[in-house]
Amino acid sequence: MAQPEHHVFTFADYLRLEGDSGVRHEFLNGAVWAMAGGTPEHAALAVNVSTLLNVALRGSPCRVYSSDLRVRIRSSGLATYPDVTVICGDPVIDPEDPKRQTVTNPRVVVEILSP
């Protein structure tokens, strides 16, 4: 039996989909999939990690961001919303994002894994 063909998205396609959707998606190598919601434990862990990082980075040029920030890792092709992101210095905006909502220079990316 032949495998069904899947649409290969460009990053621009992905950004259009994100702009038209009420659901967040991840993008990797032309594939797009909806992100799952988290559990209360997941959410609590993310807040705790953010708090610890904020305290540790106080007075440094680094800033902690929540999962509302879209990050693109150009070397891997991944665009996603990590649970916690640290950027040192000014955020570098992805030049391919016309809405300027994607950064490309995370120093630390934290993803809390859930079953």
PDB file of N, CA and C in Angstrom:
ATOM      1  N   MET A   1       0.851  -1.170   0.000  1.00  0.00           N
ATOM      2  CA  MET A   1       0.000   0.000   0.000  1.00  0.00           C
ATOM      3  C   MET A   1       0.901   1.239   0.000  1.00  0.00           C
ATOM      4  N   ALA A   2       0.622   2.176  -0.858  1.00  0.00           N
ATOM      5  CA  ALA A   2       1.404   3.401  -0.957  1.00  0.00           C
ATOM      6  C   ALA A   2       1.101   4.318   0.225  1.00  0.00           C
ATOM      7  N   GLN A   3       2.141   4.996   0.686  1.00  0.00           N
ATOM      8  CA  GLN A   3       1.976   5.967   1.770  1.00  0.00           C
ATOM      9  C   GLN A   3       1.339   7.236   1.208  1.00  0.00           C
ATOM     10  N   PRO A   4       0.427   7.845   1.940  1.00  0.00           N
ATOM     11  CA  PRO A   4      -0.156   9.094   1.460  1.00  0.00           C
ATOM     12  C   PRO A   4       0.911  10.182   1.441  1.00  0.00           C
ATOM     13  N   GLU A   5       0.826  11.060   0.456  1.00  0.00           N
ATOM     14  CA  GLU A   5       1.759  12.171   0.391  1.00  0.00           C
ATOM     15  C   GLU A   5       1.342  13.232   1.404  1.00  0.00           C
ATOM     16  N   HIS A   6       2.326  13.830   2.041  1.00  0.00           N
ATOM     17  CA  HIS A   6       2.073  14.899   3.003  1.00  0.00           C
ATOM     18  C   HIS A   6       2.559  16.214   2.414  1.00  0.00           C
ATOM     19  N   HIS A   7       1.817  17.257   2.689  1.00  0.00           N
ATOM     20  CA  HIS A   7       2.208  18.580   2.215  1.00  0.00           C
ATOM     21  C   HIS A   7       3.518  18.990   2.887  1.00  0.00           C
ATOM     22  N   VAL A   8       4.435  19.522   2.131  1.00  0.00           N
ATOM     23  CA  VAL A   8       5.682  20.058   2.674  1.00  0.00           C
ATOM     24  C   VAL A   8       5.515  21.571   2.772  1.00  0.00           C
ATOM     25  N   PHE A   9       5.568  22.066   3.982  1.00  0.00           N
ATOM     26  CA  PHE A   9       5.390  23.486   4.244  1.00  0.00           C
ATOM     27  C   PHE A   9       6.718  24.217   4.163  1.00  0.00           C
ATOM     28  N   THR A  10       6.691  25.439   3.669  1.00  0.00           N
ATOM     29  CA  THR A  10       7.827  26.332   3.797  1.00  0.00           C
ATOM     30  C   THR A  10       7.678  27.067   5.129  1.00  0.00           C
ATOM     31  N   PHE A  11       8.719  27.757   5.551  1.00  0.00           N
ATOM     32  CA  PHE A  11       8.606  28.548   6.770  1.00  0.00           C
ATOM     33  C   PHE A  11       7.533  29.630   6.594  1.00  0.00           C
ATOM     34  N   ALA A  12       7.451  30.221   5.407  1.00  0.00           N
ATOM     35  CA  ALA A  12       6.420  31.234   5.137  1.00  0.00           C
ATOM     36  C   ALA A  12       5.018  30.628   5.241  1.00  0.00           C
ATOM     37  N   ASP A  13       4.835  29.396   4.725  1.00  0.00           N
ATOM     38  CA  ASP A  13       3.548  28.702   4.872  1.00  0.00           C
ATOM     39  C   ASP A  13       3.199  28.542   6.353  1.00  0.00           C
ATOM     40  N   TYR A  14       4.186  28.115   7.112  1.00  0.00           N
ATOM     41  CA  TYR A  14       4.001  27.900   8.560  1.00  0.00           C
ATOM     42  C   TYR A  14       3.580  29.197   9.241  1.00  0.00           C
ATOM     43  N   LEU A  15       4.246  30.295   8.921  1.00  0.00           N
ATOM     44  CA  LEU A  15       3.900  31.569   9.544  1.00  0.00           C
ATOM     45  C   LEU A  15       2.476  31.989   9.191  1.00  0.00           C
ATOM     46  N   ARG A  16       2.052  31.756   7.943  1.00  0.00           N
ATOM     47  CA  ARG A  16       0.663  32.068   7.563  1.00  0.00           C
ATOM     48  C   ARG A  16      -0.318  31.212   8.358  1.00  0.00           C
ATOM     49  N   LEU A  17      -0.015  29.927   8.490  1.00  0.00           N
ATOM     50  CA  LEU A  17      -0.866  29.031   9.272  1.00  0.00           C
ATOM     51  C   LEU A  17      -0.965  29.506  10.715  1.00  0.00           C
ATOM     52  N   GLU A  18       0.164  29.875  11.301  1.00  0.00           N
ATOM     53  CA  GLU A  18       0.169  30.366  12.677  1.00  0.00           C
ATOM     54  C   GLU A  18      -0.677  31.624  12.823  1.00  0.00           C
ATOM     55  N   GLY A  19      -0.596  32.503  11.836  1.00  0.00           N
ATOM     56  CA  GLY A  19      -1.351  33.751  11.893  1.00  0.00           C
ATOM     57  C   GLY A  19      -2.850  33.549  11.797  1.00  0.00           C
ATOM     58  N   ASP A  20      -3.259  32.473  11.146  1.00  0.00           N
ATOM     59  CA  ASP A  20      -4.689  32.200  10.943  1.00  0.00           C
ATOM     60  C   ASP A  20      -5.268  31.230  11.959  1.00  0.00           C
ATOM     61  N   SER A  21      -4.458  30.711  12.867  1.00  0.00           N
ATOM     62  CA  SER A  21      -4.897  29.649  13.762  1.00  0.00           C
ATOM     63  C   SER A  21      -4.959  30.123  15.208  1.00  0.00           C
ATOM     64  N   GLY A  22      -5.880  29.553  15.947  1.00  0.00           N
ATOM     65  CA  GLY A  22      -5.948  29.794  17.384  1.00  0.00           C
ATOM     66  C   GLY A  22      -5.131  28.773  18.160  1.00  0.00           C
ATOM     67  N   VAL A  23      -4.482  27.867  17.448  1.00  0.00           N
ATOM     68  CA  VAL A  23      -3.675  26.809  18.052  1.00  0.00           C
ATOM     69  C   VAL A  23      -2.226  27.024  17.644  1.00  0.00           C
ATOM     70  N   ARG A  24      -1.312  26.819  18.571  1.00  0.00           N
ATOM     71  CA  ARG A  24       0.113  26.917  18.250  1.00  0.00           C
ATOM     72  C   ARG A  24       0.591  25.644  17.568  1.00  0.00           C
ATOM     73  N   HIS A  25       1.542  25.835  16.668  1.00  0.00           N
ATOM     74  CA  HIS A  25       2.112  24.713  15.931  1.00  0.00           C
ATOM     75  C   HIS A  25       3.638  24.748  16.005  1.00  0.00           C
ATOM     76  N   GLU A  26       4.237  23.582  15.835  1.00  0.00           N
ATOM     77  CA  GLU A  26       5.682  23.476  15.667  1.00  0.00           C
ATOM     78  C   GLU A  26       5.962  23.223  14.196  1.00  0.00           C
ATOM     79  N   PHE A  27       7.164  23.585  13.770  1.00  0.00           N
ATOM     80  CA  PHE A  27       7.581  23.419  12.382  1.00  0.00           C
ATOM     81  C   PHE A  27       8.958  22.780  12.376  1.00  0.00           C
ATOM     82  N   LEU A  28       9.118  21.732  11.554  1.00  0.00           N
ATOM     83  CA  LEU A  28      10.423  21.089  11.417  1.00  0.00           C
ATOM     84  C   LEU A  28      10.514  20.442  10.047  1.00  0.00           C
ATOM     85  N   ASN A  29      11.485  20.889   9.277  1.00  0.00           N
ATOM     86  CA  ASN A  29      11.775  20.298   7.972  1.00  0.00           C
ATOM     87  C   ASN A  29      10.540  20.126   7.097  1.00  0.00           C
ATOM     88  N   GLY A  30       9.703  21.152   7.050  1.00  0.00           N
ATOM     89  CA  GLY A  30       8.541  21.122   6.181  1.00  0.00           C
ATOM     90  C   GLY A  30       7.291  20.506   6.780  1.00  0.00           C
ATOM     91  N   ALA A  31       7.405  19.952   7.980  1.00  0.00           N
ATOM     92  CA  ALA A  31       6.245  19.363   8.663  1.00  0.00           C
ATOM     93  C   ALA A  31       5.737  20.332   9.727  1.00  0.00           C
ATOM     94  N   VAL A  32       4.422  20.360   9.883  1.00  0.00           N
ATOM     95  CA  VAL A  32       3.781  21.222  10.876  1.00  0.00           C
ATOM     96  C   VAL A  32       2.830  20.367  11.691  1.00  0.00           C
ATOM     97  N   TRP A  33       2.869  20.532  13.005  1.00  0.00           N
ATOM     98  CA  TRP A  33       1.928  19.801  13.855  1.00  0.00           C
ATOM     99  C   TRP A  33       1.539  20.660  15.044  1.00  0.00           C
ATOM    100  N   ALA A  34       0.307  20.448  15.507  1.00  0.00           N
ATOM    101  CA  ALA A  34      -0.227  21.203  16.639  1.00  0.00           C
ATOM    102  C   ALA A  34       0.487  20.797  17.909  1.00  0.00           C
ATOM    103  N   MET A  35       0.697  21.774  18.774  1.00  0.00           N
ATOM    104  CA  MET A  35       1.337  21.507  20.057  1.00  0.00           C
ATOM    105  C   MET A  35       0.272  21.086  21.072  1.00  0.00           C
ATOM    106  N   ALA A  36       0.630  20.144  21.906  1.00  0.00           N
ATOM    107  CA  ALA A  36      -0.283  19.659  22.943  1.00  0.00           C
ATOM    108  C   ALA A  36      -0.310  20.635  24.116  1.00  0.00           C
ATOM    109  N   GLY A  37      -1.421  20.649  24.809  1.00  0.00           N
ATOM    110  CA  GLY A  37      -1.523  21.443  26.029  1.00  0.00           C
ATOM    111  C   GLY A  37      -0.779  20.753  27.167  1.00  0.00           C
ATOM    112  N   GLY A  38      -0.461  21.498  28.193  1.00  0.00           N
ATOM    113  CA  GLY A  38       0.297  20.941  29.308  1.00  0.00           C
ATOM    114  C   GLY A  38      -0.585  20.617  30.495  1.00  0.00           C
ATOM    115  N   THR A  39      -0.035  19.833  31.398  1.00  0.00           N
ATOM    116  CA  THR A  39      -0.715  19.483  32.638  1.00  0.00           C
ATOM    117  C   THR A  39      -0.424  20.552  33.698  1.00  0.00           C
ATOM    118  N   PRO A  40      -1.149  20.542  34.806  1.00  0.00           N
ATOM    119  CA  PRO A  40      -0.814  21.475  35.896  1.00  0.00           C
ATOM    120  C   PRO A  40       0.626  21.289  36.386  1.00  0.00           C
ATOM    121  N   GLU A  41       1.095  20.052  36.438  1.00  0.00           N
ATOM    122  CA  GLU A  41       2.467  19.792  36.881  1.00  0.00           C
ATOM    123  C   GLU A  41       3.469  20.390  35.897  1.00  0.00           C
ATOM    124  N   HIS A  42       3.190  20.234  34.612  1.00  0.00           N
ATOM    125  CA  HIS A  42       4.046  20.795  33.562  1.00  0.00           C
ATOM    126  C   HIS A  42       4.137  22.320  33.721  1.00  0.00           C
ATOM    127  N   ALA A  43       2.979  22.958  33.889  1.00  0.00           N
ATOM    128  CA  ALA A  43       2.933  24.409  34.030  1.00  0.00           C
ATOM    129  C   ALA A  43       3.693  24.870  35.273  1.00  0.00           C
ATOM    130  N   ALA A  44       3.539  24.147  36.376  1.00  0.00           N
ATOM    131  CA  ALA A  44       4.237  24.509  37.615  1.00  0.00           C
ATOM    132  C   ALA A  44       5.750  24.376  37.454  1.00  0.00           C
ATOM    133  N   LEU A  45       6.188  23.316  36.791  1.00  0.00           N
ATOM    134  CA  LEU A  45       7.622  23.146  36.550  1.00  0.00           C
ATOM    135  C   LEU A  45       8.183  24.279  35.699  1.00  0.00           C
ATOM    136  N   ALA A  46       7.455  24.680  34.675  1.00  0.00           N
ATOM    137  CA  ALA A  46       7.916  25.769  33.815  1.00  0.00           C
ATOM    138  C   ALA A  46       8.067  27.067  34.606  1.00  0.00           C
ATOM    139  N   VAL A  47       7.106  27.353  35.480  1.00  0.00           N
ATOM    140  CA  VAL A  47       7.193  28.561  36.304  1.00  0.00           C
ATOM    141  C   VAL A  47       8.378  28.467  37.259  1.00  0.00           C
ATOM    142  N   ASN A  48       8.582  27.312  37.864  1.00  0.00           N
ATOM    143  CA  ASN A  48       9.706  27.147  38.789  1.00  0.00           C
ATOM    144  C   ASN A  48      11.049  27.317  38.084  1.00  0.00           C
ATOM    145  N   VAL A  49      11.194  26.731  36.897  1.00  0.00           N
ATOM    146  CA  VAL A  49      12.442  26.886  36.138  1.00  0.00           C
ATOM    147  C   VAL A  49      12.650  28.355  35.787  1.00  0.00           C
ATOM    148  N   SER A  50      11.592  29.027  35.336  1.00  0.00           N
ATOM    149  CA  SER A  50      11.695  30.448  35.001  1.00  0.00           C
ATOM    150  C   SER A  50      12.122  31.278  36.207  1.00  0.00           C
ATOM    151  N   THR A  51      11.530  31.000  37.352  1.00  0.00           N
ATOM    152  CA  THR A  51      11.865  31.734  38.575  1.00  0.00           C
ATOM    153  C   THR A  51      13.333  31.543  38.945  1.00  0.00           C
ATOM    154  N   LEU A  52      13.786  30.296  38.927  1.00  0.00           N
ATOM    155  CA  LEU A  52      15.189  30.013  39.261  1.00  0.00           C
ATOM    156  C   LEU A  52      16.142  30.690  38.286  1.00  0.00           C
ATOM    157  N   LEU A  53      15.820  30.648  37.004  1.00  0.00           N
ATOM    158  CA  LEU A  53      16.678  31.301  36.014  1.00  0.00           C
ATOM    159  C   LEU A  53      16.665  32.816  36.186  1.00  0.00           C
ATOM    160  N   ASN A  54      15.507  33.406  36.448  1.00  0.00           N
ATOM    161  CA  ASN A  54      15.432  34.854  36.667  1.00  0.00           C
ATOM    162  C   ASN A  54      16.314  35.286  37.833  1.00  0.00           C
ATOM    163  N   VAL A  55      16.267  34.534  38.909  1.00  0.00           N
ATOM    164  CA  VAL A  55      17.085  34.861  40.084  1.00  0.00           C
ATOM    165  C   VAL A  55      18.573  34.714  39.743  1.00  0.00           C
ATOM    166  N   ALA A  56      18.925  33.615  39.079  1.00  0.00           N
ATOM    167  CA  ALA A  56      20.335  33.354  38.756  1.00  0.00           C
ATOM    168  C   ALA A  56      20.897  34.371  37.767  1.00  0.00           C
ATOM    169  N   LEU A  57      20.063  34.893  36.884  1.00  0.00           N
ATOM    170  CA  LEU A  57      20.533  35.791  35.832  1.00  0.00           C
ATOM    171  C   LEU A  57      20.378  37.271  36.171  1.00  0.00           C
ATOM    172  N   ARG A  58      19.867  37.550  37.362  1.00  0.00           N
ATOM    173  CA  ARG A  58      19.668  38.943  37.768  1.00  0.00           C
ATOM    174  C   ARG A  58      20.986  39.712  37.635  1.00  0.00           C
ATOM    175  N   GLY A  59      20.923  40.872  36.997  1.00  0.00           N
ATOM    176  CA  GLY A  59      22.107  41.709  36.829  1.00  0.00           C
ATOM    177  C   GLY A  59      22.945  41.345  35.606  1.00  0.00           C
ATOM    178  N   SER A  60      22.571  40.308  34.907  1.00  0.00           N
ATOM    179  CA  SER A  60      23.306  39.912  33.699  1.00  0.00           C
ATOM    180  C   SER A  60      22.586  40.474  32.463  1.00  0.00           C
ATOM    181  N   PRO A  61      23.194  40.358  31.303  1.00  0.00           N
ATOM    182  CA  PRO A  61      22.528  40.830  30.081  1.00  0.00           C
ATOM    183  C   PRO A  61      21.507  39.829  29.526  1.00  0.00           C
ATOM    184  N   CYS A  62      21.223  38.791  30.303  1.00  0.00           N
ATOM    185  CA  CYS A  62      20.327  37.734  29.838  1.00  0.00           C
ATOM    186  C   CYS A  62      18.920  37.938  30.391  1.00  0.00           C
ATOM    187  N   ARG A  63      17.941  37.521  29.595  1.00  0.00           N
ATOM    188  CA  ARG A  63      16.535  37.672  29.976  1.00  0.00           C
ATOM    189  C   ARG A  63      15.809  36.358  29.742  1.00  0.00           C
ATOM    190  N   VAL A  64      14.874  36.041  30.629  1.00  0.00           N
ATOM    191  CA  VAL A  64      14.100  34.798  30.557  1.00  0.00           C
ATOM    192  C   VAL A  64      12.755  35.089  29.904  1.00  0.00           C
ATOM    193  N   TYR A  65      12.354  34.193  28.974  1.00  0.00           N
ATOM    194  CA  TYR A  65      11.091  34.354  28.249  1.00  0.00           C
ATOM    195  C   TYR A  65      10.221  33.122  28.461  1.00  0.00           C
ATOM    196  N   SER A  66       8.910  33.340  28.403  1.00  0.00           N
ATOM    197  CA  SER A  66       7.933  32.261  28.575  1.00  0.00           C
ATOM    198  C   SER A  66       7.670  31.549  27.247  1.00  0.00           C
ATOM    199  N   SER A  67       6.759  30.615  27.276  1.00  0.00           N
ATOM    200  CA  SER A  67       6.393  29.843  26.092  1.00  0.00           C
ATOM    201  C   SER A  67       5.599  30.660  25.074  1.00  0.00           C
ATOM    202  N   ASP A  68       5.373  31.929  25.334  1.00  0.00           N
ATOM    203  CA  ASP A  68       4.710  32.791  24.354  1.00  0.00           C
ATOM    204  C   ASP A  68       5.658  33.232  23.241  1.00  0.00           C
ATOM    205  N   LEU A  69       6.954  32.997  23.421  1.00  0.00           N
ATOM    206  CA  LEU A  69       7.949  33.425  22.441  1.00  0.00           C
ATOM    207  C   LEU A  69       8.257  32.295  21.459  1.00  0.00           C
ATOM    208  N   ARG A  70       8.086  32.585  20.166  1.00  0.00           N
ATOM    209  CA  ARG A  70       8.441  31.600  19.141  1.00  0.00           C
ATOM    210  C   ARG A  70       9.941  31.710  18.870  1.00  0.00           C
ATOM    211  N   VAL A  71      10.595  30.554  18.838  1.00  0.00           N
ATOM    212  CA  VAL A  71      12.031  30.462  18.608  1.00  0.00           C
ATOM    213  C   VAL A  71      12.259  29.630  17.354  1.00  0.00           C
ATOM    214  N   ARG A  72      13.174  30.078  16.521  1.00  0.00           N
ATOM    215  CA  ARG A  72      13.560  29.303  15.336  1.00  0.00           C
ATOM    216  C   ARG A  72      15.038  28.968  15.438  1.00  0.00           C
ATOM    217  N   ILE A  73      15.327  27.689  15.358  1.00  0.00           N
ATOM    218  CA  ILE A  73      16.705  27.206  15.365  1.00  0.00           C
ATOM    219  C   ILE A  73      17.049  26.909  13.908  1.00  0.00           C
ATOM    220  N   ARG A  74      17.718  27.824  13.272  1.00  0.00           N
ATOM    221  CA  ARG A  74      17.948  27.715  11.831  1.00  0.00           C
ATOM    222  C   ARG A  74      18.791  26.493  11.464  1.00  0.00           C
ATOM    223  N   SER A  75      19.726  26.103  12.321  1.00  0.00           N
ATOM    224  CA  SER A  75      20.590  24.967  11.992  1.00  0.00           C
ATOM    225  C   SER A  75      19.823  23.652  11.927  1.00  0.00           C
ATOM    226  N   SER A  76      18.724  23.545  12.674  1.00  0.00           N
ATOM    227  CA  SER A  76      17.945  22.308  12.672  1.00  0.00           C
ATOM    228  C   SER A  76      16.648  22.440  11.871  1.00  0.00           C
ATOM    229  N   GLY A  77      16.240  23.677  11.585  1.00  0.00           N
ATOM    230  CA  GLY A  77      14.981  23.894  10.884  1.00  0.00           C
ATOM    231  C   GLY A  77      13.764  23.952  11.799  1.00  0.00           C
ATOM    232  N   LEU A  78      13.978  23.860  13.098  1.00  0.00           N
ATOM    233  CA  LEU A  78      12.870  23.832  14.054  1.00  0.00           C
ATOM    234  C   LEU A  78      12.396  25.240  14.390  1.00  0.00           C
ATOM    235  N   ALA A  79      11.080  25.425  14.387  1.00  0.00           N
ATOM    236  CA  ALA A  79      10.442  26.623  14.936  1.00  0.00           C
ATOM    237  C   ALA A  79       9.418  26.128  15.939  1.00  0.00           C
ATOM    238  N   THR A  80       9.488  26.648  17.163  1.00  0.00           N
ATOM    239  CA  THR A  80       8.635  26.135  18.227  1.00  0.00           C
ATOM    240  C   THR A  80       8.491  27.179  19.327  1.00  0.00           C
ATOM    241  N   TYR A  81       7.722  26.835  20.319  1.00  0.00           N
ATOM    242  CA  TYR A  81       7.491  27.682  21.488  1.00  0.00           C
ATOM    243  C   TYR A  81       8.021  26.927  22.714  1.00  0.00           C
ATOM    244  N   PRO A  82       9.312  27.051  23.025  1.00  0.00           N
ATOM    245  CA  PRO A  82       9.847  26.319  24.183  1.00  0.00           C
ATOM    246  C   PRO A  82       9.166  26.763  25.476  1.00  0.00           C
ATOM    247  N   ASP A  83       9.199  25.881  26.458  1.00  0.00           N
ATOM    248  CA  ASP A  83       8.602  26.227  27.751  1.00  0.00           C
ATOM    249  C   ASP A  83       9.288  27.442  28.364  1.00  0.00           C
ATOM    250  N   VAL A  84      10.608  27.499  28.264  1.00  0.00           N
ATOM    251  CA  VAL A  84      11.395  28.609  28.788  1.00  0.00           C
ATOM    252  C   VAL A  84      12.551  28.850  27.821  1.00  0.00           C
ATOM    253  N   THR A  85      12.836  30.118  27.546  1.00  0.00           N
ATOM    254  CA  THR A  85      13.950  30.489  26.682  1.00  0.00           C
ATOM    255  C   THR A  85      14.754  31.576  27.367  1.00  0.00           C
ATOM    256  N   VAL A  86      16.066  31.521  27.232  1.00  0.00           N
ATOM    257  CA  VAL A  86      16.945  32.582  27.716  1.00  0.00           C
ATOM    258  C   VAL A  86      17.652  33.185  26.514  1.00  0.00           C
ATOM    259  N   ILE A  87      17.609  34.515  26.429  1.00  0.00           N
ATOM    260  CA  ILE A  87      18.331  35.250  25.398  1.00  0.00           C
ATOM    261  C   ILE A  87      19.247  36.236  26.102  1.00  0.00           C
ATOM    262  N   CYS A  88      20.499  36.253  25.700  1.00  0.00           N
ATOM    263  CA  CYS A  88      21.469  37.194  26.262  1.00  0.00           C
ATOM    264  C   CYS A  88      21.695  38.301  25.243  1.00  0.00           C
ATOM    265  N   GLY A  89      21.559  39.533  25.687  1.00  0.00           N
ATOM    266  CA  GLY A  89      21.620  40.663  24.764  1.00  0.00           C
ATOM    267  C   GLY A  89      20.274  40.868  24.108  1.00  0.00           C
ATOM    268  N   ASP A  90      20.278  41.610  23.022  1.00  0.00           N
ATOM    269  CA  ASP A  90      19.026  41.901  22.322  1.00  0.00           C
ATOM    270  C   ASP A  90      18.531  40.677  21.562  1.00  0.00           C
ATOM    271  N   PRO A  91      17.224  40.450  21.539  1.00  0.00           N
ATOM    272  CA  PRO A  91      16.685  39.371  20.705  1.00  0.00           C
ATOM    273  C   PRO A  91      16.971  39.658  19.228  1.00  0.00           C
ATOM    274  N   VAL A  92      17.358  38.623  18.507  1.00  0.00           N
ATOM    275  CA  VAL A  92      17.554  38.743  17.059  1.00  0.00           C
ATOM    276  C   VAL A  92      16.287  38.212  16.396  1.00  0.00           C
ATOM    277  N   ILE A  93      15.620  39.087  15.664  1.00  0.00           N
ATOM    278  CA  ILE A  93      14.362  38.740  15.004  1.00  0.00           C
ATOM    279  C   ILE A  93      14.669  38.028  13.688  1.00  0.00           C
ATOM    280  N   ASP A  94      13.949  36.955  13.431  1.00  0.00           N
ATOM    281  CA  ASP A  94      14.122  36.202  12.190  1.00  0.00           C
ATOM    282  C   ASP A  94      13.733  37.103  11.016  1.00  0.00           C
ATOM    283  N   PRO A  95      14.647  37.330  10.069  1.00  0.00           N
ATOM    284  CA  PRO A  95      14.330  38.211   8.941  1.00  0.00           C
ATOM    285  C   PRO A  95      13.237  37.647   8.025  1.00  0.00           C
ATOM    286  N   GLU A  96      12.933  36.361   8.132  1.00  0.00           N
ATOM    287  CA  GLU A  96      11.889  35.762   7.305  1.00  0.00           C
ATOM    288  C   GLU A  96      10.498  35.897   7.923  1.00  0.00           C
ATOM    289  N   ASP A  97      10.415  36.472   9.122  1.00  0.00           N
ATOM    290  CA  ASP A  97       9.121  36.645   9.784  1.00  0.00           C
ATOM    291  C   ASP A  97       8.675  38.102   9.646  1.00  0.00           C
ATOM    292  N   PRO A  98       7.750  38.378   8.724  1.00  0.00           N
ATOM    293  CA  PRO A  98       7.330  39.766   8.510  1.00  0.00           C
ATOM    294  C   PRO A  98       6.640  40.395   9.719  1.00  0.00           C
ATOM    295  N   LYS A  99       6.073  39.586  10.605  1.00  0.00           N
ATOM    296  CA  LYS A  99       5.425  40.133  11.805  1.00  0.00           C
ATOM    297  C   LYS A  99       6.408  40.330  12.954  1.00  0.00           C
ATOM    298  N   ARG A 100       7.667  39.888  12.764  1.00  0.00           N
ATOM    299  CA  ARG A 100       8.747  40.095  13.748  1.00  0.00           C
ATOM    300  C   ARG A 100       8.428  39.453  15.100  1.00  0.00           C
ATOM    301  N   GLN A 101       7.885  38.230  15.078  1.00  0.00           N
ATOM    302  CA  GLN A 101       7.511  37.531  16.307  1.00  0.00           C
ATOM    303  C   GLN A 101       8.345  36.276  16.557  1.00  0.00           C
ATOM    304  N   THR A 102       9.406  36.079  15.769  1.00  0.00           N
ATOM    305  CA  THR A 102      10.242  34.897  15.900  1.00  0.00           C
ATOM    306  C   THR A 102      11.672  35.320  16.166  1.00  0.00           C
ATOM    307  N   VAL A 103      12.281  34.764  17.196  1.00  0.00           N
ATOM    308  CA  VAL A 103      13.686  35.072  17.491  1.00  0.00           C
ATOM    309  C   VAL A 103      14.574  33.905  17.078  1.00  0.00           C
ATOM    310  N   THR A 104      15.842  34.207  16.842  1.00  0.00           N
ATOM    311  CA  THR A 104      16.770  33.190  16.357  1.00  0.00           C
ATOM    312  C   THR A 104      18.027  33.045  17.216  1.00  0.00           C
ATOM    313  N   ASN A 105      18.086  33.716  18.342  1.00  0.00           N
ATOM    314  CA  ASN A 105      19.320  33.669  19.129  1.00  0.00           C
ATOM    315  C   ASN A 105      19.129  33.226  20.587  1.00  0.00           C
ATOM    316  N   PRO A 106      18.424  32.124  20.816  1.00  0.00           N
ATOM    317  CA  PRO A 106      18.320  31.665  22.216  1.00  0.00           C
ATOM    318  C   PRO A 106      19.679  31.177  22.709  1.00  0.00           C
ATOM    319  N   ARG A 107      19.962  31.455  23.939  1.00  0.00           N
ATOM    320  CA  ARG A 107      21.169  30.925  24.573  1.00  0.00           C
ATOM    321  C   ARG A 107      20.847  29.612  25.277  1.00  0.00           C
ATOM    322  N   VAL A 108      19.638  29.572  25.878  1.00  0.00           N
ATOM    323  CA  VAL A 108      19.156  28.367  26.579  1.00  0.00           C
ATOM    324  C   VAL A 108      17.718  28.134  26.145  1.00  0.00           C
ATOM    325  N   VAL A 109      17.393  26.866  25.866  1.00  0.00           N
ATOM    326  CA  VAL A 109      16.026  26.458  25.552  1.00  0.00           C
ATOM    327  C   VAL A 109      15.680  25.340  26.517  1.00  0.00           C
ATOM    328  N   VAL A 110      14.579  25.505  27.252  1.00  0.00           N
ATOM    329  CA  VAL A 110      14.129  24.497  28.212  1.00  0.00           C
ATOM    330  C   VAL A 110      12.807  23.931  27.711  1.00  0.00           C
ATOM    331  N   GLU A 111      12.762  22.641  27.580  1.00  0.00           N
ATOM    332  CA  GLU A 111      11.518  21.971  27.210  1.00  0.00           C
ATOM    333  C   GLU A 111      11.236  20.926  28.285  1.00  0.00           C
ATOM    334  N   ILE A 112      10.105  21.044  28.928  1.00  0.00           N
ATOM    335  CA  ILE A 112       9.702  20.116  29.990  1.00  0.00           C
ATOM    336  C   ILE A 112       8.956  18.970  29.333  1.00  0.00           C
ATOM    337  N   LEU A 113       9.464  17.776  29.513  1.00  0.00           N
ATOM    338  CA  LEU A 113       8.876  16.608  28.873  1.00  0.00           C
ATOM    339  C   LEU A 113       7.776  16.022  29.741  1.00  0.00           C
ATOM    340  N   SER A 114       6.698  15.662  29.081  1.00  0.00           N
ATOM    341  CA  SER A 114       5.548  15.051  29.763  1.00  0.00           C
ATOM    342  C   SER A 114       5.185  13.771  29.040  1.00  0.00           C
ATOM    343  N   PRO A 115       4.617  12.817  29.759  1.00  0.00           N
ATOM    344  CA  PRO A 115       4.199  11.577  29.079  1.00  0.00           C
ATOM    345  C   PRO A 115       3.154  11.859  28.000  1.00  0.00           C
TER     346      PRO A 115
END
